[in-house]
N, C-alpha and C. Protein backbone atom coordinates (compact mmCIF):
# COMPACT_ATOMS: atom_id res chain seq x y z
N MET A 1 -28.04 -16.04 39.93
CA MET A 1 -29.29 -15.42 39.51
C MET A 1 -28.98 -14.16 38.70
N GLU A 2 -29.64 -14.05 37.54
CA GLU A 2 -29.40 -12.90 36.67
C GLU A 2 -29.99 -11.64 37.28
N LYS A 3 -29.26 -10.54 37.14
CA LYS A 3 -29.72 -9.26 37.66
C LYS A 3 -30.11 -8.33 36.53
N TYR A 4 -30.44 -8.92 35.39
CA TYR A 4 -30.93 -8.19 34.23
C TYR A 4 -32.04 -9.03 33.61
N SER A 5 -32.87 -8.43 32.74
CA SER A 5 -33.97 -9.18 32.16
C SER A 5 -33.74 -9.44 30.68
N VAL A 6 -34.11 -10.65 30.27
CA VAL A 6 -33.95 -11.08 28.88
C VAL A 6 -35.28 -11.66 28.40
N HIS A 7 -35.82 -11.12 27.32
CA HIS A 7 -37.05 -11.67 26.76
C HIS A 7 -36.78 -13.09 26.24
N PRO A 8 -37.76 -13.99 26.31
CA PRO A 8 -37.55 -15.37 25.87
C PRO A 8 -37.11 -15.52 24.40
N THR A 9 -37.42 -14.55 23.56
CA THR A 9 -37.02 -14.65 22.14
C THR A 9 -35.60 -14.16 21.90
N ALA A 10 -34.98 -13.53 22.89
CA ALA A 10 -33.63 -12.99 22.73
C ALA A 10 -32.58 -14.10 22.87
N ILE A 11 -31.44 -13.88 22.25
CA ILE A 11 -30.30 -14.80 22.36
C ILE A 11 -29.14 -14.03 22.97
N VAL A 12 -28.64 -14.51 24.09
CA VAL A 12 -27.46 -13.94 24.73
C VAL A 12 -26.41 -15.04 24.76
N ASP A 13 -25.37 -14.91 23.95
CA ASP A 13 -24.34 -15.94 23.87
C ASP A 13 -23.53 -16.01 25.16
N GLU A 14 -23.07 -17.21 25.48
CA GLU A 14 -22.26 -17.42 26.66
C GLU A 14 -21.02 -16.54 26.62
N GLY A 15 -20.72 -15.90 27.74
CA GLY A 15 -19.54 -15.04 27.84
C GLY A 15 -19.85 -13.56 27.79
N ALA A 16 -21.04 -13.20 27.34
CA ALA A 16 -21.42 -11.77 27.30
C ALA A 16 -21.50 -11.24 28.73
N HIS A 17 -20.99 -10.03 28.94
CA HIS A 17 -21.07 -9.37 30.24
C HIS A 17 -22.17 -8.33 30.18
N ILE A 18 -23.17 -8.49 31.03
CA ILE A 18 -24.33 -7.59 31.02
C ILE A 18 -24.55 -7.06 32.43
N GLY A 19 -24.64 -5.73 32.54
CA GLY A 19 -24.76 -5.08 33.84
C GLY A 19 -26.14 -5.19 34.46
N GLU A 20 -26.17 -4.98 35.74
CA GLU A 20 -27.39 -5.05 36.53
C GLU A 20 -28.43 -4.06 36.03
N GLY A 21 -29.66 -4.52 35.99
CA GLY A 21 -30.78 -3.65 35.62
C GLY A 21 -30.96 -3.45 34.13
N SER A 22 -30.13 -4.09 33.32
CA SER A 22 -30.29 -3.96 31.86
C SER A 22 -31.50 -4.76 31.40
N ARG A 23 -32.08 -4.32 30.28
CA ARG A 23 -33.27 -4.97 29.72
C ARG A 23 -33.01 -5.31 28.26
N ILE A 24 -33.20 -6.59 27.94
CA ILE A 24 -32.95 -7.09 26.59
C ILE A 24 -34.28 -7.57 26.04
N TRP A 25 -34.78 -6.89 25.01
CA TRP A 25 -36.14 -7.12 24.53
C TRP A 25 -36.21 -8.14 23.41
N HIS A 26 -37.33 -8.21 22.72
CA HIS A 26 -37.65 -9.23 21.72
C HIS A 26 -36.60 -9.32 20.61
N TRP A 27 -36.23 -10.54 20.28
CA TRP A 27 -35.40 -10.87 19.11
C TRP A 27 -34.04 -10.16 19.08
N VAL A 28 -33.50 -9.88 20.25
CA VAL A 28 -32.16 -9.30 20.36
C VAL A 28 -31.14 -10.43 20.30
N HIS A 29 -29.96 -10.13 19.71
CA HIS A 29 -28.84 -11.08 19.76
C HIS A 29 -27.62 -10.35 20.31
N VAL A 30 -27.11 -10.84 21.45
CA VAL A 30 -25.91 -10.30 22.06
C VAL A 30 -24.82 -11.37 21.93
N CYS A 31 -23.72 -11.04 21.25
CA CYS A 31 -22.63 -11.99 21.06
C CYS A 31 -21.81 -12.15 22.34
N GLY A 32 -21.10 -13.25 22.45
CA GLY A 32 -20.41 -13.64 23.67
C GLY A 32 -19.31 -12.71 24.14
N GLY A 33 -18.71 -11.93 23.25
CA GLY A 33 -17.65 -11.02 23.66
C GLY A 33 -18.11 -9.63 24.04
N ALA A 34 -19.40 -9.37 23.95
CA ALA A 34 -19.93 -8.03 24.21
C ALA A 34 -19.83 -7.68 25.69
N LYS A 35 -19.60 -6.39 25.95
CA LYS A 35 -19.57 -5.86 27.32
C LYS A 35 -20.62 -4.76 27.41
N ILE A 36 -21.67 -5.01 28.18
CA ILE A 36 -22.81 -4.11 28.28
C ILE A 36 -22.93 -3.65 29.73
N GLY A 37 -23.07 -2.35 29.94
CA GLY A 37 -23.10 -1.77 31.27
C GLY A 37 -24.43 -1.95 31.99
N LYS A 38 -24.58 -1.19 33.07
CA LYS A 38 -25.76 -1.24 33.92
C LYS A 38 -26.89 -0.41 33.31
N ALA A 39 -28.12 -0.86 33.56
CA ALA A 39 -29.34 -0.12 33.20
C ALA A 39 -29.38 0.25 31.72
N VAL A 40 -28.95 -0.68 30.87
CA VAL A 40 -28.99 -0.48 29.42
C VAL A 40 -30.28 -1.09 28.89
N SER A 41 -30.88 -0.44 27.90
CA SER A 41 -32.06 -0.98 27.24
C SER A 41 -31.72 -1.29 25.79
N LEU A 42 -31.90 -2.56 25.41
CA LEU A 42 -31.71 -2.99 24.03
C LEU A 42 -33.08 -3.32 23.47
N GLY A 43 -33.55 -2.48 22.54
CA GLY A 43 -34.89 -2.64 21.98
C GLY A 43 -35.00 -3.82 21.04
N GLN A 44 -36.20 -4.01 20.54
CA GLN A 44 -36.51 -5.14 19.66
C GLN A 44 -35.57 -5.21 18.46
N ASN A 45 -35.08 -6.41 18.16
CA ASN A 45 -34.28 -6.68 16.96
C ASN A 45 -32.92 -5.98 16.96
N VAL A 46 -32.33 -5.78 18.13
CA VAL A 46 -30.99 -5.19 18.22
C VAL A 46 -29.96 -6.31 18.13
N PHE A 47 -28.85 -6.04 17.46
CA PHE A 47 -27.70 -6.94 17.40
C PHE A 47 -26.51 -6.25 18.05
N VAL A 48 -25.77 -6.97 18.90
CA VAL A 48 -24.57 -6.45 19.55
C VAL A 48 -23.42 -7.42 19.27
N GLY A 49 -22.39 -6.95 18.58
CA GLY A 49 -21.26 -7.78 18.19
C GLY A 49 -20.34 -8.15 19.34
N ASN A 50 -19.33 -8.98 19.02
CA ASN A 50 -18.37 -9.46 20.01
C ASN A 50 -17.45 -8.37 20.55
N LYS A 51 -16.97 -7.52 19.68
CA LYS A 51 -15.99 -6.49 20.06
C LYS A 51 -16.70 -5.16 20.23
N VAL A 52 -17.69 -5.16 21.11
CA VAL A 52 -18.51 -3.97 21.37
C VAL A 52 -18.50 -3.69 22.87
N VAL A 53 -18.40 -2.43 23.21
CA VAL A 53 -18.53 -1.99 24.60
C VAL A 53 -19.65 -0.97 24.66
N ILE A 54 -20.61 -1.21 25.53
CA ILE A 54 -21.74 -0.30 25.73
C ILE A 54 -21.74 0.12 27.19
N GLY A 55 -21.67 1.42 27.44
CA GLY A 55 -21.60 1.95 28.80
C GLY A 55 -22.93 1.87 29.53
N ASP A 56 -22.93 2.36 30.76
CA ASP A 56 -24.12 2.38 31.59
C ASP A 56 -25.18 3.34 31.03
N HIS A 57 -26.44 3.00 31.27
CA HIS A 57 -27.59 3.87 30.98
C HIS A 57 -27.74 4.23 29.50
N CYS A 58 -27.27 3.37 28.60
CA CYS A 58 -27.48 3.61 27.17
C CYS A 58 -28.85 3.07 26.77
N LYS A 59 -29.45 3.71 25.76
CA LYS A 59 -30.72 3.24 25.22
C LYS A 59 -30.51 3.02 23.72
N ILE A 60 -30.68 1.77 23.31
CA ILE A 60 -30.52 1.42 21.91
C ILE A 60 -31.89 0.96 21.43
N GLN A 61 -32.48 1.77 20.57
CA GLN A 61 -33.86 1.53 20.14
C GLN A 61 -33.92 0.41 19.09
N ASN A 62 -35.13 0.09 18.65
CA ASN A 62 -35.37 -1.04 17.76
C ASN A 62 -34.55 -0.98 16.48
N ASN A 63 -34.16 -2.18 16.02
CA ASN A 63 -33.53 -2.38 14.70
C ASN A 63 -32.17 -1.73 14.55
N VAL A 64 -31.37 -1.69 15.61
CA VAL A 64 -30.02 -1.14 15.54
C VAL A 64 -29.03 -2.29 15.66
N SER A 65 -28.02 -2.32 14.78
CA SER A 65 -26.92 -3.28 14.88
C SER A 65 -25.68 -2.53 15.32
N VAL A 66 -25.13 -2.95 16.47
CA VAL A 66 -23.91 -2.35 16.99
C VAL A 66 -22.79 -3.34 16.66
N TYR A 67 -22.06 -3.05 15.61
CA TYR A 67 -21.06 -3.97 15.08
C TYR A 67 -19.74 -3.87 15.82
N ASP A 68 -18.86 -4.86 15.57
CA ASP A 68 -17.53 -4.88 16.19
C ASP A 68 -16.82 -3.55 16.01
N ASN A 69 -16.03 -3.20 17.04
CA ASN A 69 -15.19 -2.00 17.08
C ASN A 69 -15.99 -0.72 17.34
N VAL A 70 -17.23 -0.85 17.82
CA VAL A 70 -18.00 0.31 18.24
C VAL A 70 -17.99 0.36 19.76
N VAL A 71 -17.69 1.55 20.30
CA VAL A 71 -17.73 1.79 21.74
C VAL A 71 -18.71 2.93 22.01
N LEU A 72 -19.66 2.65 22.89
CA LEU A 72 -20.61 3.67 23.33
C LEU A 72 -20.32 3.95 24.80
N GLU A 73 -20.00 5.20 25.12
CA GLU A 73 -19.79 5.56 26.52
C GLU A 73 -21.15 5.67 27.22
N ASP A 74 -21.14 6.02 28.50
CA ASP A 74 -22.36 6.10 29.29
C ASP A 74 -23.38 7.07 28.69
N GLY A 75 -24.65 6.68 28.79
CA GLY A 75 -25.74 7.58 28.46
C GLY A 75 -25.94 7.88 26.99
N VAL A 76 -25.47 7.03 26.10
CA VAL A 76 -25.67 7.26 24.66
C VAL A 76 -27.06 6.77 24.27
N PHE A 77 -27.73 7.56 23.42
CA PHE A 77 -29.04 7.20 22.87
C PHE A 77 -28.89 6.90 21.39
N CYS A 78 -29.30 5.71 20.99
CA CYS A 78 -29.29 5.31 19.57
C CYS A 78 -30.74 5.18 19.12
N GLY A 79 -31.17 6.08 18.24
CA GLY A 79 -32.56 6.10 17.79
C GLY A 79 -32.91 4.92 16.90
N PRO A 80 -34.20 4.70 16.69
CA PRO A 80 -34.66 3.55 15.91
C PRO A 80 -34.02 3.49 14.53
N SER A 81 -33.55 2.30 14.19
CA SER A 81 -33.02 1.99 12.85
C SER A 81 -31.81 2.80 12.45
N MET A 82 -31.11 3.41 13.41
CA MET A 82 -29.86 4.09 13.04
C MET A 82 -28.82 3.02 12.71
N VAL A 83 -27.76 3.43 12.00
CA VAL A 83 -26.82 2.46 11.43
C VAL A 83 -25.38 2.79 11.84
N PHE A 84 -24.67 1.76 12.31
CA PHE A 84 -23.21 1.82 12.46
C PHE A 84 -22.60 0.99 11.34
N THR A 85 -21.40 1.36 10.91
CA THR A 85 -20.64 0.51 10.00
C THR A 85 -19.30 0.22 10.66
N ASN A 86 -18.58 -0.78 10.15
CA ASN A 86 -17.24 -1.02 10.68
C ASN A 86 -16.20 -1.23 9.59
N VAL A 87 -16.63 -1.32 8.35
CA VAL A 87 -15.72 -1.41 7.21
C VAL A 87 -16.00 -0.21 6.31
N TYR A 88 -14.95 0.51 5.93
CA TYR A 88 -15.13 1.72 5.14
C TYR A 88 -15.49 1.44 3.68
N ASN A 89 -14.91 0.39 3.11
CA ASN A 89 -15.11 0.08 1.69
C ASN A 89 -15.45 -1.40 1.49
N PRO A 90 -16.63 -1.83 1.95
CA PRO A 90 -16.96 -3.26 1.92
C PRO A 90 -17.18 -3.81 0.51
N ARG A 91 -16.79 -5.07 0.36
CA ARG A 91 -17.07 -5.87 -0.84
C ARG A 91 -17.37 -7.28 -0.37
N SER A 92 -18.39 -7.90 -0.91
CA SER A 92 -18.73 -9.27 -0.53
C SER A 92 -17.61 -10.25 -0.84
N LEU A 93 -16.90 -10.03 -1.92
CA LEU A 93 -15.89 -10.98 -2.37
C LEU A 93 -14.51 -10.75 -1.75
N ILE A 94 -14.36 -9.73 -0.91
CA ILE A 94 -13.07 -9.42 -0.29
C ILE A 94 -13.23 -9.41 1.22
N GLU A 95 -12.42 -10.24 1.90
CA GLU A 95 -12.43 -10.32 3.36
C GLU A 95 -11.76 -9.09 3.94
N ARG A 96 -12.46 -8.33 4.80
CA ARG A 96 -11.89 -7.11 5.36
C ARG A 96 -12.05 -7.02 6.88
N LYS A 97 -12.20 -8.17 7.55
CA LYS A 97 -12.36 -8.15 9.00
C LYS A 97 -11.14 -7.56 9.71
N SER A 98 -9.97 -7.64 9.10
CA SER A 98 -8.76 -7.06 9.69
C SER A 98 -8.70 -5.54 9.49
N GLU A 99 -9.66 -5.00 8.75
CA GLU A 99 -9.66 -3.57 8.44
C GLU A 99 -10.76 -2.80 9.17
N TYR A 100 -11.40 -3.44 10.15
CA TYR A 100 -12.43 -2.73 10.89
C TYR A 100 -11.87 -1.44 11.47
N ARG A 101 -12.65 -0.38 11.39
CA ARG A 101 -12.25 0.92 11.96
C ARG A 101 -13.03 1.16 13.24
N ASP A 102 -12.34 1.74 14.21
CA ASP A 102 -12.96 2.02 15.52
C ASP A 102 -13.90 3.22 15.43
N THR A 103 -15.03 3.08 16.08
CA THR A 103 -16.00 4.18 16.21
C THR A 103 -16.24 4.40 17.70
N LEU A 104 -16.12 5.65 18.14
CA LEU A 104 -16.33 6.00 19.54
C LEU A 104 -17.44 7.03 19.64
N VAL A 105 -18.45 6.73 20.45
CA VAL A 105 -19.53 7.68 20.73
C VAL A 105 -19.42 8.02 22.21
N LYS A 106 -19.13 9.28 22.47
CA LYS A 106 -18.82 9.70 23.84
C LYS A 106 -20.09 9.96 24.66
N LYS A 107 -19.86 10.15 25.94
CA LYS A 107 -20.92 10.25 26.95
C LYS A 107 -22.06 11.19 26.55
N GLY A 108 -23.28 10.68 26.70
CA GLY A 108 -24.46 11.50 26.56
C GLY A 108 -24.88 11.87 25.16
N ALA A 109 -24.17 11.38 24.13
CA ALA A 109 -24.51 11.74 22.75
C ALA A 109 -25.84 11.11 22.33
N THR A 110 -26.52 11.77 21.40
CA THR A 110 -27.76 11.27 20.83
C THR A 110 -27.55 11.05 19.33
N LEU A 111 -27.94 9.86 18.87
CA LEU A 111 -27.88 9.51 17.45
C LEU A 111 -29.32 9.30 16.99
N GLY A 112 -29.82 10.22 16.18
CA GLY A 112 -31.24 10.23 15.81
C GLY A 112 -31.65 9.06 14.93
N ALA A 113 -32.96 8.86 14.85
CA ALA A 113 -33.53 7.77 14.06
C ALA A 113 -33.01 7.80 12.63
N ASN A 114 -32.66 6.63 12.13
CA ASN A 114 -32.23 6.44 10.74
C ASN A 114 -30.96 7.18 10.35
N CYS A 115 -30.21 7.70 11.31
CA CYS A 115 -28.92 8.29 10.93
C CYS A 115 -27.93 7.18 10.67
N THR A 116 -26.84 7.52 9.98
CA THR A 116 -25.76 6.57 9.69
C THR A 116 -24.46 7.14 10.21
N VAL A 117 -23.71 6.31 10.93
CA VAL A 117 -22.39 6.71 11.43
C VAL A 117 -21.36 5.87 10.68
N VAL A 118 -20.62 6.52 9.77
CA VAL A 118 -19.59 5.83 9.01
C VAL A 118 -18.43 5.52 9.96
N CYS A 119 -17.87 4.33 9.85
CA CYS A 119 -16.85 3.88 10.80
C CYS A 119 -15.62 4.78 10.81
N GLY A 120 -14.94 4.75 11.95
CA GLY A 120 -13.69 5.49 12.10
C GLY A 120 -13.83 6.88 12.66
N VAL A 121 -15.03 7.25 13.13
CA VAL A 121 -15.23 8.61 13.65
C VAL A 121 -15.41 8.58 15.16
N THR A 122 -15.22 9.76 15.76
CA THR A 122 -15.52 9.97 17.17
C THR A 122 -16.61 11.03 17.25
N ILE A 123 -17.66 10.72 18.00
CA ILE A 123 -18.75 11.65 18.22
C ILE A 123 -18.61 12.16 19.65
N GLY A 124 -18.47 13.48 19.80
CA GLY A 124 -18.15 14.09 21.09
C GLY A 124 -19.28 14.02 22.11
N GLU A 125 -18.92 14.34 23.34
CA GLU A 125 -19.85 14.32 24.46
C GLU A 125 -21.07 15.19 24.16
N TYR A 126 -22.22 14.64 24.42
CA TYR A 126 -23.51 15.34 24.32
C TYR A 126 -23.79 15.91 22.94
N ALA A 127 -23.09 15.43 21.92
CA ALA A 127 -23.42 15.83 20.55
C ALA A 127 -24.81 15.29 20.22
N PHE A 128 -25.42 15.89 19.21
CA PHE A 128 -26.78 15.51 18.83
C PHE A 128 -26.81 15.37 17.30
N VAL A 129 -26.96 14.13 16.83
CA VAL A 129 -27.02 13.85 15.39
C VAL A 129 -28.48 13.71 15.02
N GLY A 130 -28.95 14.57 14.11
CA GLY A 130 -30.36 14.57 13.72
C GLY A 130 -30.77 13.34 12.94
N ALA A 131 -32.07 13.10 12.91
CA ALA A 131 -32.63 11.95 12.19
C ALA A 131 -32.21 11.99 10.73
N GLY A 132 -31.77 10.85 10.22
CA GLY A 132 -31.44 10.71 8.81
C GLY A 132 -30.09 11.26 8.39
N ALA A 133 -29.34 11.86 9.30
CA ALA A 133 -28.03 12.43 8.95
C ALA A 133 -27.03 11.32 8.66
N VAL A 134 -25.99 11.66 7.90
CA VAL A 134 -24.89 10.73 7.62
C VAL A 134 -23.60 11.36 8.14
N VAL A 135 -23.06 10.77 9.22
CA VAL A 135 -21.85 11.30 9.86
C VAL A 135 -20.65 10.58 9.25
N ASN A 136 -19.77 11.36 8.60
CA ASN A 136 -18.59 10.76 7.98
C ASN A 136 -17.29 11.40 8.45
N LYS A 137 -17.38 12.24 9.51
CA LYS A 137 -16.18 12.82 10.11
C LYS A 137 -16.46 13.07 11.59
N ASP A 138 -15.41 13.34 12.36
CA ASP A 138 -15.55 13.55 13.80
C ASP A 138 -16.52 14.68 14.10
N VAL A 139 -17.21 14.54 15.24
CA VAL A 139 -18.21 15.51 15.68
C VAL A 139 -17.76 16.09 17.01
N LYS A 140 -17.79 17.41 17.12
CA LYS A 140 -17.36 18.09 18.35
C LYS A 140 -18.38 17.87 19.47
N PRO A 141 -17.90 17.96 20.72
CA PRO A 141 -18.84 17.90 21.85
C PRO A 141 -19.93 18.98 21.73
N TYR A 142 -21.16 18.62 22.08
CA TYR A 142 -22.33 19.51 22.09
C TYR A 142 -22.80 19.95 20.69
N ALA A 143 -22.15 19.47 19.63
CA ALA A 143 -22.52 19.91 18.29
C ALA A 143 -23.85 19.31 17.85
N LEU A 144 -24.65 20.11 17.17
CA LEU A 144 -25.87 19.65 16.51
C LEU A 144 -25.52 19.43 15.05
N MET A 145 -25.73 18.19 14.59
CA MET A 145 -25.37 17.81 13.23
C MET A 145 -26.62 17.35 12.48
N ALA A 146 -26.75 17.77 11.22
CA ALA A 146 -27.89 17.34 10.41
C ALA A 146 -27.49 17.35 8.94
N GLY A 147 -28.18 16.54 8.15
CA GLY A 147 -27.98 16.56 6.71
C GLY A 147 -27.13 15.40 6.20
N VAL A 148 -27.00 15.37 4.86
CA VAL A 148 -26.24 14.33 4.17
C VAL A 148 -25.28 15.01 3.21
N PRO A 149 -23.97 15.01 3.49
CA PRO A 149 -23.38 14.53 4.74
C PRO A 149 -23.73 15.49 5.88
N ALA A 150 -23.55 15.00 7.11
CA ALA A 150 -23.91 15.80 8.28
C ALA A 150 -23.06 17.07 8.35
N ARG A 151 -23.74 18.18 8.65
CA ARG A 151 -23.07 19.48 8.80
C ARG A 151 -23.39 20.04 10.18
N HIS A 152 -22.47 20.84 10.67
CA HIS A 152 -22.66 21.46 11.98
C HIS A 152 -23.71 22.56 11.85
N MET A 153 -24.81 22.42 12.60
CA MET A 153 -25.94 23.34 12.48
C MET A 153 -26.13 24.22 13.72
N GLY A 154 -25.37 23.94 14.78
CA GLY A 154 -25.54 24.69 16.02
C GLY A 154 -25.04 23.88 17.19
N TRP A 155 -25.57 24.18 18.38
CA TRP A 155 -25.11 23.56 19.61
C TRP A 155 -26.29 23.08 20.44
N MET A 156 -26.06 22.02 21.23
CA MET A 156 -27.10 21.46 22.10
C MET A 156 -26.60 21.42 23.54
N SER A 157 -27.50 21.62 24.48
CA SER A 157 -27.16 21.52 25.89
C SER A 157 -27.17 20.06 26.32
N GLU A 158 -26.64 19.78 27.50
CA GLU A 158 -26.69 18.42 28.04
C GLU A 158 -28.13 18.00 28.31
N HIS A 159 -29.01 18.97 28.49
CA HIS A 159 -30.43 18.68 28.71
C HIS A 159 -31.13 18.29 27.41
N GLY A 160 -30.47 18.53 26.27
CA GLY A 160 -31.03 18.13 24.98
C GLY A 160 -31.83 19.20 24.28
N GLU A 161 -31.51 20.46 24.54
CA GLU A 161 -32.20 21.55 23.87
C GLU A 161 -31.18 22.42 23.14
N ARG A 162 -31.63 22.99 22.03
CA ARG A 162 -30.75 23.81 21.22
C ARG A 162 -30.36 25.09 21.97
N ILE A 163 -29.09 25.43 21.89
CA ILE A 163 -28.58 26.64 22.52
C ILE A 163 -28.73 27.77 21.51
N PRO A 164 -29.41 28.85 21.90
CA PRO A 164 -29.64 29.94 20.94
C PRO A 164 -28.35 30.68 20.61
N LEU A 165 -28.21 31.00 19.35
CA LEU A 165 -27.06 31.80 18.90
C LEU A 165 -27.58 33.07 18.26
N PRO A 166 -26.90 34.19 18.34
CA PRO A 166 -25.63 34.32 19.04
C PRO A 166 -25.83 34.27 20.55
N LEU A 167 -24.79 33.86 21.25
CA LEU A 167 -24.87 33.78 22.71
C LEU A 167 -24.93 35.18 23.30
N ALA A 168 -25.75 35.32 24.33
CA ALA A 168 -25.93 36.62 24.97
C ALA A 168 -24.72 37.01 25.82
N GLY A 169 -24.61 38.26 26.15
CA GLY A 169 -23.60 38.74 27.09
C GLY A 169 -22.19 38.46 26.63
N GLN A 170 -21.46 37.74 27.42
CA GLN A 170 -20.05 37.45 27.16
C GLN A 170 -19.86 36.14 26.41
N GLY A 171 -20.77 35.81 25.50
CA GLY A 171 -20.64 34.56 24.77
C GLY A 171 -21.00 33.36 25.61
N GLN A 172 -22.00 33.55 26.52
CA GLN A 172 -22.42 32.47 27.41
C GLN A 172 -23.91 32.22 27.26
N HIS A 173 -24.31 31.00 27.65
CA HIS A 173 -25.73 30.65 27.71
C HIS A 173 -25.94 29.81 28.96
N THR A 174 -26.96 30.13 29.75
CA THR A 174 -27.30 29.35 30.93
C THR A 174 -28.58 28.58 30.63
N CYS A 175 -28.50 27.27 30.79
CA CYS A 175 -29.66 26.41 30.54
C CYS A 175 -30.73 26.69 31.59
N PRO A 176 -31.96 27.02 31.16
CA PRO A 176 -33.02 27.32 32.13
C PRO A 176 -33.48 26.09 32.91
N HIS A 177 -33.16 24.88 32.43
CA HIS A 177 -33.60 23.65 33.10
C HIS A 177 -32.61 23.17 34.15
N THR A 178 -31.31 23.36 33.88
CA THR A 178 -30.29 22.79 34.77
C THR A 178 -29.42 23.83 35.45
N GLY A 179 -29.42 25.06 34.92
CA GLY A 179 -28.56 26.10 35.47
C GLY A 179 -27.12 26.01 34.99
N GLN A 180 -26.83 25.03 34.15
CA GLN A 180 -25.48 24.89 33.61
C GLN A 180 -25.21 26.02 32.63
N THR A 181 -23.98 26.52 32.66
CA THR A 181 -23.57 27.60 31.76
C THR A 181 -22.64 27.05 30.70
N TYR A 182 -22.88 27.47 29.46
CA TYR A 182 -22.07 27.06 28.32
C TYR A 182 -21.38 28.28 27.74
N VAL A 183 -20.14 28.08 27.29
CA VAL A 183 -19.34 29.17 26.74
C VAL A 183 -18.84 28.77 25.37
N LEU A 184 -19.00 29.67 24.39
CA LEU A 184 -18.46 29.44 23.07
C LEU A 184 -17.02 29.91 23.07
N ASP A 185 -16.10 28.97 22.81
CA ASP A 185 -14.66 29.26 22.83
C ASP A 185 -14.12 28.98 21.43
N GLY A 186 -14.11 30.03 20.61
CA GLY A 186 -13.70 29.85 19.23
C GLY A 186 -14.72 29.02 18.49
N ALA A 187 -14.31 27.85 18.00
CA ALA A 187 -15.21 26.97 17.26
C ALA A 187 -15.70 25.80 18.11
N SER A 188 -15.58 25.91 19.43
CA SER A 188 -16.01 24.83 20.32
C SER A 188 -16.87 25.38 21.44
N LEU A 189 -17.81 24.55 21.88
CA LEU A 189 -18.66 24.90 23.01
C LEU A 189 -18.21 24.10 24.21
N LYS A 190 -18.15 24.75 25.37
CA LYS A 190 -17.72 24.08 26.60
C LYS A 190 -18.63 24.49 27.74
N ARG A 191 -18.72 23.60 28.74
CA ARG A 191 -19.42 23.96 29.97
C ARG A 191 -18.50 24.82 30.80
N ALA A 192 -19.05 25.89 31.35
CA ALA A 192 -18.26 26.80 32.18
C ALA A 192 -17.97 26.16 33.52
């Protein structure tokens, strides 16, 4: 007996591993080699490739294609119609499946609606990529990124709110919602 739900219009190929409590909505296609964690939500018209790993508690909104060589750690949010790529320089007339580049999105990161993540990058823990941004290089943990190409605009807490700069006191900020303290250490933000 399945411990996850699949809408009748969805296609889940034989061999796909799907965790308990996951929800697969209208017109989704999950390929047979995909590994999907617990309590994942795949919105309408999502595609998940064979060589994809999706961690627990991820939310992938409508119209997102998660192509081969993309790994999403636990708690990643993919906004509506955001884009992953897996070939850096595609051409229809040239086969480049052996050239797929790995993309890693670390725990708790948010990828805003209509953003694009160019293959071969790592997006750090709890980073926040704004709507419509184009990420073409690695993103630091907790970084707020926006623009085309995406630029570092500030820092975000794990709760998903912008950390005010400059940091008060000894270069620290305490989140009023969680009590977590963040410290700016040179060009990186860390939890104390």
